[in-house]
Amino acid sequence: MIIKIILFISLILIIISVFATIYRIVKGPTSPERIQALDALGIYIIAGVAVFSILQRSTAYFEVILLLGILSFIVTIALSKFIERGVVIERNDDD
């Protein structure tokens, strides 16, 4: 019973963190801060799904957690490269 209460409280705190991160994404003064907030949002969503999986006593959400982690990493790298160089995929136009 105590574990369920702790998990519900942690889920509420994760939801509050998600809203604070969305605010940082919208109001962030610079693009790198927005990308950092987007990465943090991915982590908070993964944590929320993990806590929800524990509450449901199900392992069905493990694939979702893995997929979200991979997508969050790829998006962070792609946006960082775009800010640094202006393109995500570099092409050689030597022709």
PDB file of N, CA and C in Angstrom:
ATOM      1  N   MET A   1       0.824  -1.196   0.000  1.00  0.00           N
ATOM      2  CA  MET A   1       0.000   0.000   0.000  1.00  0.00           C
ATOM      3  C   MET A   1       0.865   1.255   0.000  1.00  0.00           C
ATOM      4  N   ILE A   2       1.909   1.255   0.815  1.00  0.00           N
ATOM      5  CA  ILE A   2       2.807   2.409   0.874  1.00  0.00           C
ATOM      6  C   ILE A   2       3.500   2.605  -0.472  1.00  0.00           C
ATOM      7  N   ILE A   3       3.862   1.492  -1.133  1.00  0.00           N
ATOM      8  CA  ILE A   3       4.546   1.579  -2.425  1.00  0.00           C
ATOM      9  C   ILE A   3       3.649   2.255  -3.454  1.00  0.00           C
ATOM     10  N   LYS A   4       2.359   1.929  -3.462  1.00  0.00           N
ATOM     11  CA  LYS A   4       1.444   2.562  -4.417  1.00  0.00           C
ATOM     12  C   LYS A   4       1.338   4.062  -4.168  1.00  0.00           C
ATOM     13  N   ILE A   5       1.304   4.458  -2.921  1.00  0.00           N
ATOM     14  CA  ILE A   5       1.223   5.889  -2.595  1.00  0.00           C
ATOM     15  C   ILE A   5       2.489   6.600  -3.067  1.00  0.00           C
ATOM     16  N   ILE A   6       3.633   5.989  -2.828  1.00  0.00           N
ATOM     17  CA  ILE A   6       4.892   6.590  -3.267  1.00  0.00           C
ATOM     18  C   ILE A   6       4.951   6.669  -4.787  1.00  0.00           C
ATOM     19  N   LEU A   7       4.485   5.628  -5.466  1.00  0.00           N
ATOM     20  CA  LEU A   7       4.487   5.652  -6.926  1.00  0.00           C
ATOM     21  C   LEU A   7       3.530   6.708  -7.474  1.00  0.00           C
ATOM     22  N   PHE A   8       2.354   6.878  -6.858  1.00  0.00           N
ATOM     23  CA  PHE A   8       1.431   7.927  -7.300  1.00  0.00           C
ATOM     24  C   PHE A   8       2.033   9.314  -7.076  1.00  0.00           C
ATOM     25  N   ILE A   9       2.682   9.511  -5.953  1.00  0.00           N
ATOM     26  CA  ILE A   9       3.324  10.805  -5.689  1.00  0.00           C
ATOM     27  C   ILE A   9       4.439  11.067  -6.698  1.00  0.00           C
ATOM     28  N   SER A  10       5.225  10.047  -6.991  1.00  0.00           N
ATOM     29  CA  SER A  10       6.299  10.224  -7.971  1.00  0.00           C
ATOM     30  C   SER A  10       5.736  10.490  -9.361  1.00  0.00           C
ATOM     31  N   LEU A  11       4.622   9.862  -9.704  1.00  0.00           N
ATOM     32  CA  LEU A  11       3.983  10.115 -10.992  1.00  0.00           C
ATOM     33  C   LEU A  11       3.474  11.554 -11.082  1.00  0.00           C
ATOM     34  N   ILE A  12       2.929  12.060 -10.004  1.00  0.00           N
ATOM     35  CA  ILE A  12       2.468  13.452  -9.973  1.00  0.00           C
ATOM     36  C   ILE A  12       3.649  14.407 -10.116  1.00  0.00           C
ATOM     37  N   LEU A  13       4.745  14.111  -9.442  1.00  0.00           N
ATOM     38  CA  LEU A  13       5.936  14.959  -9.552  1.00  0.00           C
ATOM     39  C   LEU A  13       6.531  14.917 -10.958  1.00  0.00           C
ATOM     40  N   ILE A  14       6.481  13.771 -11.593  1.00  0.00           N
ATOM     41  CA  ILE A  14       6.964  13.661 -12.978  1.00  0.00           C
ATOM     42  C   ILE A  14       6.076  14.490 -13.905  1.00  0.00           C
ATOM     43  N   ILE A  15       4.768  14.462 -13.686  1.00  0.00           N
ATOM     44  CA  ILE A  15       3.856  15.260 -14.514  1.00  0.00           C
ATOM     45  C   ILE A  15       4.123  16.748 -14.329  1.00  0.00           C
ATOM     46  N   ILE A  16       4.378  17.164 -13.107  1.00  0.00           N
ATOM     47  CA  ILE A  16       4.723  18.573 -12.855  1.00  0.00           C
ATOM     48  C   ILE A  16       6.025  18.922 -13.569  1.00  0.00           C
ATOM     49  N   SER A  17       6.990  18.024 -13.535  1.00  0.00           N
ATOM     50  CA  SER A  17       8.258  18.251 -14.227  1.00  0.00           C
ATOM     51  C   SER A  17       8.075  18.336 -15.737  1.00  0.00           C
ATOM     52  N   VAL A  18       7.174  17.528 -16.269  1.00  0.00           N
ATOM     53  CA  VAL A  18       6.888  17.586 -17.704  1.00  0.00           C
ATOM     54  C   VAL A  18       6.330  18.955 -18.083  1.00  0.00           C
ATOM     55  N   PHE A  19       5.397  19.472 -17.298  1.00  0.00           N
ATOM     56  CA  PHE A  19       4.828  20.789 -17.602  1.00  0.00           C
ATOM     57  C   PHE A  19       5.875  21.893 -17.461  1.00  0.00           C
ATOM     58  N   ALA A  20       6.745  21.799 -16.474  1.00  0.00           N
ATOM     59  CA  ALA A  20       7.814  22.794 -16.323  1.00  0.00           C
ATOM     60  C   ALA A  20       8.785  22.727 -17.502  1.00  0.00           C
ATOM     61  N   THR A  21       9.046  21.527 -17.996  1.00  0.00           N
ATOM     62  CA  THR A  21       9.941  21.378 -19.135  1.00  0.00           C
ATOM     63  C   THR A  21       9.296  21.891 -20.416  1.00  0.00           C
ATOM     64  N   ILE A  22       8.013  21.672 -20.583  1.00  0.00           N
ATOM     65  CA  ILE A  22       7.310  22.220 -21.747  1.00  0.00           C
ATOM     66  C   ILE A  22       7.349  23.739 -21.715  1.00  0.00           C
ATOM     67  N   TYR A  23       7.217  24.318 -20.540  1.00  0.00           N
ATOM     68  CA  TYR A  23       7.335  25.772 -20.407  1.00  0.00           C
ATOM     69  C   TYR A  23       8.733  26.223 -20.831  1.00  0.00           C
ATOM     70  N   ARG A  24       9.768  25.470 -20.449  1.00  0.00           N
ATOM     71  CA  ARG A  24      11.142  25.824 -20.827  1.00  0.00           C
ATOM     72  C   ARG A  24      11.340  25.684 -22.329  1.00  0.00           C
ATOM     73  N   ILE A  25      10.692  24.708 -22.950  1.00  0.00           N
ATOM     74  CA  ILE A  25      10.804  24.543 -24.400  1.00  0.00           C
ATOM     75  C   ILE A  25      10.173  25.736 -25.120  1.00  0.00           C
ATOM     76  N   VAL A  26       9.037  26.185 -24.630  1.00  0.00           N
ATOM     77  CA  VAL A  26       8.333  27.297 -25.274  1.00  0.00           C
ATOM     78  C   VAL A  26       9.034  28.623 -25.005  1.00  0.00           C
ATOM     79  N   LYS A  27       9.451  28.874 -23.786  1.00  0.00           N
ATOM     80  CA  LYS A  27       9.995  30.174 -23.400  1.00  0.00           C
ATOM     81  C   LYS A  27      11.517  30.225 -23.372  1.00  0.00           C
ATOM     82  N   GLY A  28      12.185  29.142 -23.742  1.00  0.00           N
ATOM     83  CA  GLY A  28      13.643  29.119 -23.663  1.00  0.00           C
ATOM     84  C   GLY A  28      14.270  30.248 -24.463  1.00  0.00           C
ATOM     85  N   PRO A  29      15.216  30.957 -23.880  1.00  0.00           N
ATOM     86  CA  PRO A  29      15.778  32.098 -24.592  1.00  0.00           C
ATOM     87  C   PRO A  29      16.681  31.708 -25.768  1.00  0.00           C
ATOM     88  N   THR A  30      17.315  30.549 -25.708  1.00  0.00           N
ATOM     89  CA  THR A  30      18.202  30.146 -26.793  1.00  0.00           C
ATOM     90  C   THR A  30      17.839  28.741 -27.274  1.00  0.00           C
ATOM     91  N   SER A  31      18.271  28.430 -28.477  1.00  0.00           N
ATOM     92  CA  SER A  31      17.981  27.113 -29.045  1.00  0.00           C
ATOM     93  C   SER A  31      18.662  25.967 -28.298  1.00  0.00           C
ATOM     94  N   PRO A  32      19.916  26.105 -27.859  1.00  0.00           N
ATOM     95  CA  PRO A  32      20.500  24.988 -27.091  1.00  0.00           C
ATOM     96  C   PRO A  32      19.736  24.673 -25.804  1.00  0.00           C
ATOM     97  N   GLU A  33      19.204  25.699 -25.149  1.00  0.00           N
ATOM     98  CA  GLU A  33      18.408  25.436 -23.948  1.00  0.00           C
ATOM     99  C   GLU A  33      17.115  24.717 -24.296  1.00  0.00           C
ATOM    100  N   ARG A  34      16.546  25.024 -25.441  1.00  0.00           N
ATOM    101  CA  ARG A  34      15.339  24.315 -25.868  1.00  0.00           C
ATOM    102  C   ARG A  34      15.628  22.859 -26.184  1.00  0.00           C
ATOM    103  N   ILE A  35      16.773  22.599 -26.802  1.00  0.00           N
ATOM    104  CA  ILE A  35      17.147  21.217 -27.112  1.00  0.00           C
ATOM    105  C   ILE A  35      17.418  20.446 -25.823  1.00  0.00           C
ATOM    106  N   GLN A  36      18.068  21.085 -24.882  1.00  0.00           N
ATOM    107  CA  GLN A  36      18.320  20.443 -23.593  1.00  0.00           C
ATOM    108  C   GLN A  36      17.003  20.138 -22.877  1.00  0.00           C
ATOM    109  N   ALA A  37      16.050  21.056 -22.953  1.00  0.00           N
ATOM    110  CA  ALA A  37      14.746  20.822 -22.341  1.00  0.00           C
ATOM    111  C   ALA A  37      14.002  19.705 -23.056  1.00  0.00           C
ATOM    112  N   LEU A  38      14.159  19.619 -24.378  1.00  0.00           N
ATOM    113  CA  LEU A  38      13.520  18.540 -25.130  1.00  0.00           C
ATOM    114  C   LEU A  38      14.101  17.186 -24.731  1.00  0.00           C
ATOM    115  N   ASP A  39      15.400  17.135 -24.500  1.00  0.00           N
ATOM    116  CA  ASP A  39      16.035  15.903 -24.033  1.00  0.00           C
ATOM    117  C   ASP A  39      15.526  15.538 -22.632  1.00  0.00           C
ATOM    118  N   ALA A  40      15.417  16.541 -21.774  1.00  0.00           N
ATOM    119  CA  ALA A  40      14.887  16.286 -20.422  1.00  0.00           C
ATOM    120  C   ALA A  40      13.437  15.820 -20.489  1.00  0.00           C
ATOM    121  N   LEU A  41      12.671  16.364 -21.426  1.00  0.00           N
ATOM    122  CA  LEU A  41      11.278  15.930 -21.586  1.00  0.00           C
ATOM    123  C   LEU A  41      11.214  14.451 -21.949  1.00  0.00           C
ATOM    124  N   GLY A  42      12.111  14.016 -22.825  1.00  0.00           N
ATOM    125  CA  GLY A  42      12.161  12.596 -23.175  1.00  0.00           C
ATOM    126  C   GLY A  42      12.471  11.728 -21.970  1.00  0.00           C
ATOM    127  N   ILE A  43      13.381  12.195 -21.123  1.00  0.00           N
ATOM    128  CA  ILE A  43      13.734  11.440 -19.913  1.00  0.00           C
ATOM    129  C   ILE A  43      12.548  11.377 -18.950  1.00  0.00           C
ATOM    130  N   TYR A  44      11.848  12.499 -18.796  1.00  0.00           N
ATOM    131  CA  TYR A  44      10.682  12.509 -17.899  1.00  0.00           C
ATOM    132  C   TYR A  44       9.569  11.605 -18.418  1.00  0.00           C
ATOM    133  N   ILE A  45       9.372  11.578 -19.717  1.00  0.00           N
ATOM    134  CA  ILE A  45       8.340  10.694 -20.281  1.00  0.00           C
ATOM    135  C   ILE A  45       8.728   9.229 -20.072  1.00  0.00           C
ATOM    136  N   ILE A  46       9.995   8.912 -20.259  1.00  0.00           N
ATOM    137  CA  ILE A  46      10.464   7.542 -20.009  1.00  0.00           C
ATOM    138  C   ILE A  46      10.242   7.173 -18.548  1.00  0.00           C
ATOM    139  N   ALA A  47      10.566   8.091 -17.644  1.00  0.00           N
ATOM    140  CA  ALA A  47      10.366   7.826 -16.211  1.00  0.00           C
ATOM    141  C   ALA A  47       8.890   7.645 -15.894  1.00  0.00           C
ATOM    142  N   GLY A  48       8.044   8.456 -16.507  1.00  0.00           N
ATOM    143  CA  GLY A  48       6.603   8.328 -16.273  1.00  0.00           C
ATOM    144  C   GLY A  48       6.064   6.995 -16.752  1.00  0.00           C
ATOM    145  N   VAL A  49       6.507   6.560 -17.920  1.00  0.00           N
ATOM    146  CA  VAL A  49       6.061   5.259 -18.431  1.00  0.00           C
ATOM    147  C   VAL A  49       6.579   4.137 -17.539  1.00  0.00           C
ATOM    148  N   ALA A  50       7.803   4.274 -17.032  1.00  0.00           N
ATOM    149  CA  ALA A  50       8.362   3.243 -16.147  1.00  0.00           C
ATOM    150  C   ALA A  50       7.573   3.148 -14.840  1.00  0.00           C
ATOM    151  N   VAL A  51       7.239   4.297 -14.251  1.00  0.00           N
ATOM    152  CA  VAL A  51       6.444   4.288 -13.013  1.00  0.00           C
ATOM    153  C   VAL A  51       5.057   3.716 -13.280  1.00  0.00           C
ATOM    154  N   PHE A  52       4.463   4.093 -14.416  1.00  0.00           N
ATOM    155  CA  PHE A  52       3.149   3.555 -14.774  1.00  0.00           C
ATOM    156  C   PHE A  52       3.217   2.047 -14.984  1.00  0.00           C
ATOM    157  N   SER A  53       4.318   1.566 -15.560  1.00  0.00           N
ATOM    158  CA  SER A  53       4.500   0.132 -15.752  1.00  0.00           C
ATOM    159  C   SER A  53       4.590  -0.598 -14.414  1.00  0.00           C
ATOM    160  N   ILE A  54       5.261   0.024 -13.454  1.00  0.00           N
ATOM    161  CA  ILE A  54       5.349  -0.589 -12.126  1.00  0.00           C
ATOM    162  C   ILE A  54       3.979  -0.600 -11.456  1.00  0.00           C
ATOM    163  N   LEU A  55       3.214   0.486 -11.615  1.00  0.00           N
ATOM    164  CA  LEU A  55       1.875   0.533 -11.028  1.00  0.00           C
ATOM    165  C   LEU A  55       0.960  -0.529 -11.628  1.00  0.00           C
ATOM    166  N   GLN A  56       1.103  -0.766 -12.916  1.00  0.00           N
ATOM    167  CA  GLN A  56       0.265  -1.758 -13.594  1.00  0.00           C
ATOM    168  C   GLN A  56       0.769  -3.191 -13.412  1.00  0.00           C
ATOM    169  N   ARG A  57       1.976  -3.316 -12.873  1.00  0.00           N
ATOM    170  CA  ARG A  57       2.627  -4.628 -12.710  1.00  0.00           C
ATOM    171  C   ARG A  57       2.681  -5.380 -14.037  1.00  0.00           C
ATOM    172  N   SER A  58       3.154  -4.649 -15.047  1.00  0.00           N
ATOM    173  CA  SER A  58       3.205  -5.204 -16.387  1.00  0.00           C
ATOM    174  C   SER A  58       4.577  -4.935 -16.992  1.00  0.00           C
ATOM    175  N   THR A  59       5.048  -5.866 -17.792  1.00  0.00           N
ATOM    176  CA  THR A  59       6.303  -5.669 -18.512  1.00  0.00           C
ATOM    177  C   THR A  59       6.059  -5.279 -19.967  1.00  0.00           C
ATOM    178  N   ALA A  60       4.823  -5.020 -20.308  1.00  0.00           N
ATOM    179  CA  ALA A  60       4.477  -4.697 -21.693  1.00  0.00           C
ATOM    180  C   ALA A  60       5.003  -3.331 -22.124  1.00  0.00           C
ATOM    181  N   TYR A  61       5.362  -2.483 -21.186  1.00  0.00           N
ATOM    182  CA  TYR A  61       5.793  -1.137 -21.518  1.00  0.00           C
ATOM    183  C   TYR A  61       7.309  -1.027 -21.694  1.00  0.00           C
ATOM    184  N   PHE A  62       8.040  -2.105 -21.515  1.00  0.00           N
ATOM    185  CA  PHE A  62       9.490  -2.050 -21.629  1.00  0.00           C
ATOM    186  C   PHE A  62       9.933  -1.700 -23.047  1.00  0.00           C
ATOM    187  N   GLU A  63       9.225  -2.214 -24.050  1.00  0.00           N
ATOM    188  CA  GLU A  63       9.564  -1.886 -25.430  1.00  0.00           C
ATOM    189  C   GLU A  63       9.301  -0.420 -25.720  1.00  0.00           C
ATOM    190  N   VAL A  64       8.241   0.118 -25.131  1.00  0.00           N
ATOM    191  CA  VAL A  64       7.923   1.539 -25.308  1.00  0.00           C
ATOM    192  C   VAL A  64       9.019   2.393 -24.685  1.00  0.00           C
ATOM    193  N   ILE A  65       9.487   2.006 -23.511  1.00  0.00           N
ATOM    194  CA  ILE A  65      10.554   2.749 -22.841  1.00  0.00           C
ATOM    195  C   ILE A  65      11.825   2.726 -23.692  1.00  0.00           C
ATOM    196  N   LEU A  66      12.168   1.582 -24.241  1.00  0.00           N
ATOM    197  CA  LEU A  66      13.350   1.468 -25.082  1.00  0.00           C
ATOM    198  C   LEU A  66      13.217   2.304 -26.342  1.00  0.00           C
ATOM    199  N   LEU A  67      12.076   2.257 -26.980  1.00  0.00           N
ATOM    200  CA  LEU A  67      11.834   3.038 -28.185  1.00  0.00           C
ATOM    201  C   LEU A  67      11.898   4.536 -27.909  1.00  0.00           C
ATOM    202  N   LEU A  68      11.309   4.969 -26.811  1.00  0.00           N
ATOM    203  CA  LEU A  68      11.366   6.389 -26.452  1.00  0.00           C
ATOM    204  C   LEU A  68      12.798   6.839 -26.165  1.00  0.00           C
ATOM    205  N   GLY A  69      13.577   6.004 -25.533  1.00  0.00           N
ATOM    206  CA  GLY A  69      14.970   6.346 -25.271  1.00  0.00           C
ATOM    207  C   GLY A  69      15.778   6.493 -26.543  1.00  0.00           C
ATOM    208  N   ILE A  70      15.584   5.589 -27.484  1.00  0.00           N
ATOM    209  CA  ILE A  70      16.301   5.659 -28.753  1.00  0.00           C
ATOM    210  C   ILE A  70      15.880   6.890 -29.537  1.00  0.00           C
ATOM    211  N   LEU A  71      14.577   7.151 -29.616  1.00  0.00           N
ATOM    212  CA  LEU A  71      14.088   8.320 -30.354  1.00  0.00           C
ATOM    213  C   LEU A  71      14.547   9.620 -29.716  1.00  0.00           C
ATOM    214  N   SER A  72      14.543   9.678 -28.404  1.00  0.00           N
ATOM    215  CA  SER A  72      14.996  10.879 -27.711  1.00  0.00           C
ATOM    216  C   SER A  72      16.470  11.150 -28.011  1.00  0.00           C
ATOM    217  N   PHE A  73      17.276  10.116 -28.013  1.00  0.00           N
ATOM    218  CA  PHE A  73      18.694  10.272 -28.315  1.00  0.00           C
ATOM    219  C   PHE A  73      18.906  10.750 -29.749  1.00  0.00           C
ATOM    220  N   ILE A  74      18.213  10.149 -30.705  1.00  0.00           N
ATOM    221  CA  ILE A  74      18.372  10.520 -32.105  1.00  0.00           C
ATOM    222  C   ILE A  74      17.926  11.956 -32.346  1.00  0.00           C
ATOM    223  N   VAL A  75      16.811  12.356 -31.752  1.00  0.00           N
ATOM    224  CA  VAL A  75      16.325  13.728 -31.922  1.00  0.00           C
ATOM    225  C   VAL A  75      17.309  14.730 -31.323  1.00  0.00           C
ATOM    226  N   THR A  76      17.848  14.434 -30.165  1.00  0.00           N
ATOM    227  CA  THR A  76      18.807  15.342 -29.538  1.00  0.00           C
ATOM    228  C   THR A  76      20.053  15.497 -30.396  1.00  0.00           C
ATOM    229  N   ILE A  77      20.581  14.415 -30.925  1.00  0.00           N
ATOM    230  CA  ILE A  77      21.771  14.480 -31.770  1.00  0.00           C
ATOM    231  C   ILE A  77      21.472  15.224 -33.057  1.00  0.00           C
ATOM    232  N   ALA A  78      20.339  14.942 -33.688  1.00  0.00           N
ATOM    233  CA  ALA A  78      20.004  15.594 -34.953  1.00  0.00           C
ATOM    234  C   ALA A  78      19.812  17.096 -34.773  1.00  0.00           C
ATOM    235  N   LEU A  79      19.110  17.503 -33.747  1.00  0.00           N
ATOM    236  CA  LEU A  79      18.902  18.934 -33.527  1.00  0.00           C
ATOM    237  C   LEU A  79      20.196  19.642 -33.144  1.00  0.00           C
ATOM    238  N   SER A  80      21.056  18.977 -32.408  1.00  0.00           N
ATOM    239  CA  SER A  80      22.345  19.569 -32.054  1.00  0.00           C
ATOM    240  C   SER A  80      23.216  19.767 -33.291  1.00  0.00           C
ATOM    241  N   LYS A  81      23.230  18.769 -34.177  1.00  0.00           N
ATOM    242  CA  LYS A  81      23.984  18.915 -35.420  1.00  0.00           C
ATOM    243  C   LYS A  81      23.397  20.016 -36.291  1.00  0.00           C
ATOM    244  N   PHE A  82      22.075  20.137 -36.295  1.00  0.00           N
ATOM    245  CA  PHE A  82      21.442  21.164 -37.109  1.00  0.00           C
ATOM    246  C   PHE A  82      21.802  22.556 -36.612  1.00  0.00           C
ATOM    247  N   ILE A  83      21.837  22.729 -35.308  1.00  0.00           N
ATOM    248  CA  ILE A  83      22.207  24.042 -34.760  1.00  0.00           C
ATOM    249  C   ILE A  83      23.682  24.334 -35.015  1.00  0.00           C
ATOM    250  N   GLU A  84      24.525  23.319 -34.903  1.00  0.00           N
ATOM    251  CA  GLU A  84      25.961  23.534 -35.062  1.00  0.00           C
ATOM    252  C   GLU A  84      26.350  23.811 -36.511  1.00  0.00           C
ATOM    253  N   ARG A  85      25.823  23.015 -37.437  1.00  0.00           N
ATOM    254  CA  ARG A  85      26.280  23.102 -38.827  1.00  0.00           C
ATOM    255  C   ARG A  85      25.229  23.611 -39.800  1.00  0.00           C
ATOM    256  N   GLY A  86      23.981  23.605 -39.423  1.00  0.00           N
ATOM    257  CA  GLY A  86      22.927  24.053 -40.327  1.00  0.00           C
ATOM    258  C   GLY A  86      22.303  22.933 -41.138  1.00  0.00           C
ATOM    259  N   VAL A  87      22.901  21.756 -41.126  1.00  0.00           N
ATOM    260  CA  VAL A  87      22.364  20.584 -41.822  1.00  0.00           C
ATOM    261  C   VAL A  87      22.498  19.382 -40.895  1.00  0.00           C
ATOM    262  N   VAL A  88      21.632  18.409 -41.105  1.00  0.00           N
ATOM    263  CA  VAL A  88      21.710  17.200 -40.283  1.00  0.00           C
ATOM    264  C   VAL A  88      22.580  16.164 -40.982  1.00  0.00           C
ATOM    265  N   ILE A  89      22.386  15.983 -42.295  1.00  0.00           N
ATOM    266  CA  ILE A  89      23.160  15.009 -43.069  1.00  0.00           C
ATOM    267  C   ILE A  89      24.026  15.793 -44.049  1.00  0.00           C
ATOM    268  N   GLU A  90      25.336  15.634 -43.921  1.00  0.00           N
ATOM    269  CA  GLU A  90      26.252  16.346 -44.792  1.00  0.00           C
ATOM    270  C   GLU A  90      26.420  15.577 -46.097  1.00  0.00           C
ATOM    271  N   ARG A  91      26.421  16.320 -47.200  1.00  0.00           N
ATOM    272  CA  ARG A  91      26.616  15.703 -48.516  1.00  0.00           C
ATOM    273  C   ARG A  91      27.787  16.381 -49.201  1.00  0.00           C
ATOM    274  N   ASN A  92      28.559  15.584 -49.901  1.00  0.00           N
ATOM    275  CA  ASN A  92      29.674  16.140 -50.673  1.00  0.00           C
ATOM    276  C   ASN A  92      29.202  16.398 -52.082  1.00  0.00           C
ATOM    277  N   ASP A  93      29.231  17.643 -52.510  1.00  0.00           N
ATOM    278  CA  ASP A  93      28.817  18.020 -53.857  1.00  0.00           C
ATOM    279  C   ASP A  93      30.048  18.320 -54.701  1.00  0.00           C
ATOM    280  N   ASP A  94      30.905  17.307 -54.884  1.00  0.00           N
ATOM    281  CA  ASP A  94      32.138  17.479 -55.655  1.00  0.00           C
ATOM    282  C   ASP A  94      31.910  17.285 -57.138  1.00  0.00           C
ATOM    283  N   ASP A  95      30.745  16.924 -57.557  1.00  0.00           N
ATOM    284  CA  ASP A  95      30.464  16.638 -58.977  1.00  0.00           C
ATOM    285  C   ASP A  95      30.525  17.856 -59.823  1.00  0.00           C
TER     286      ASP A  95
END
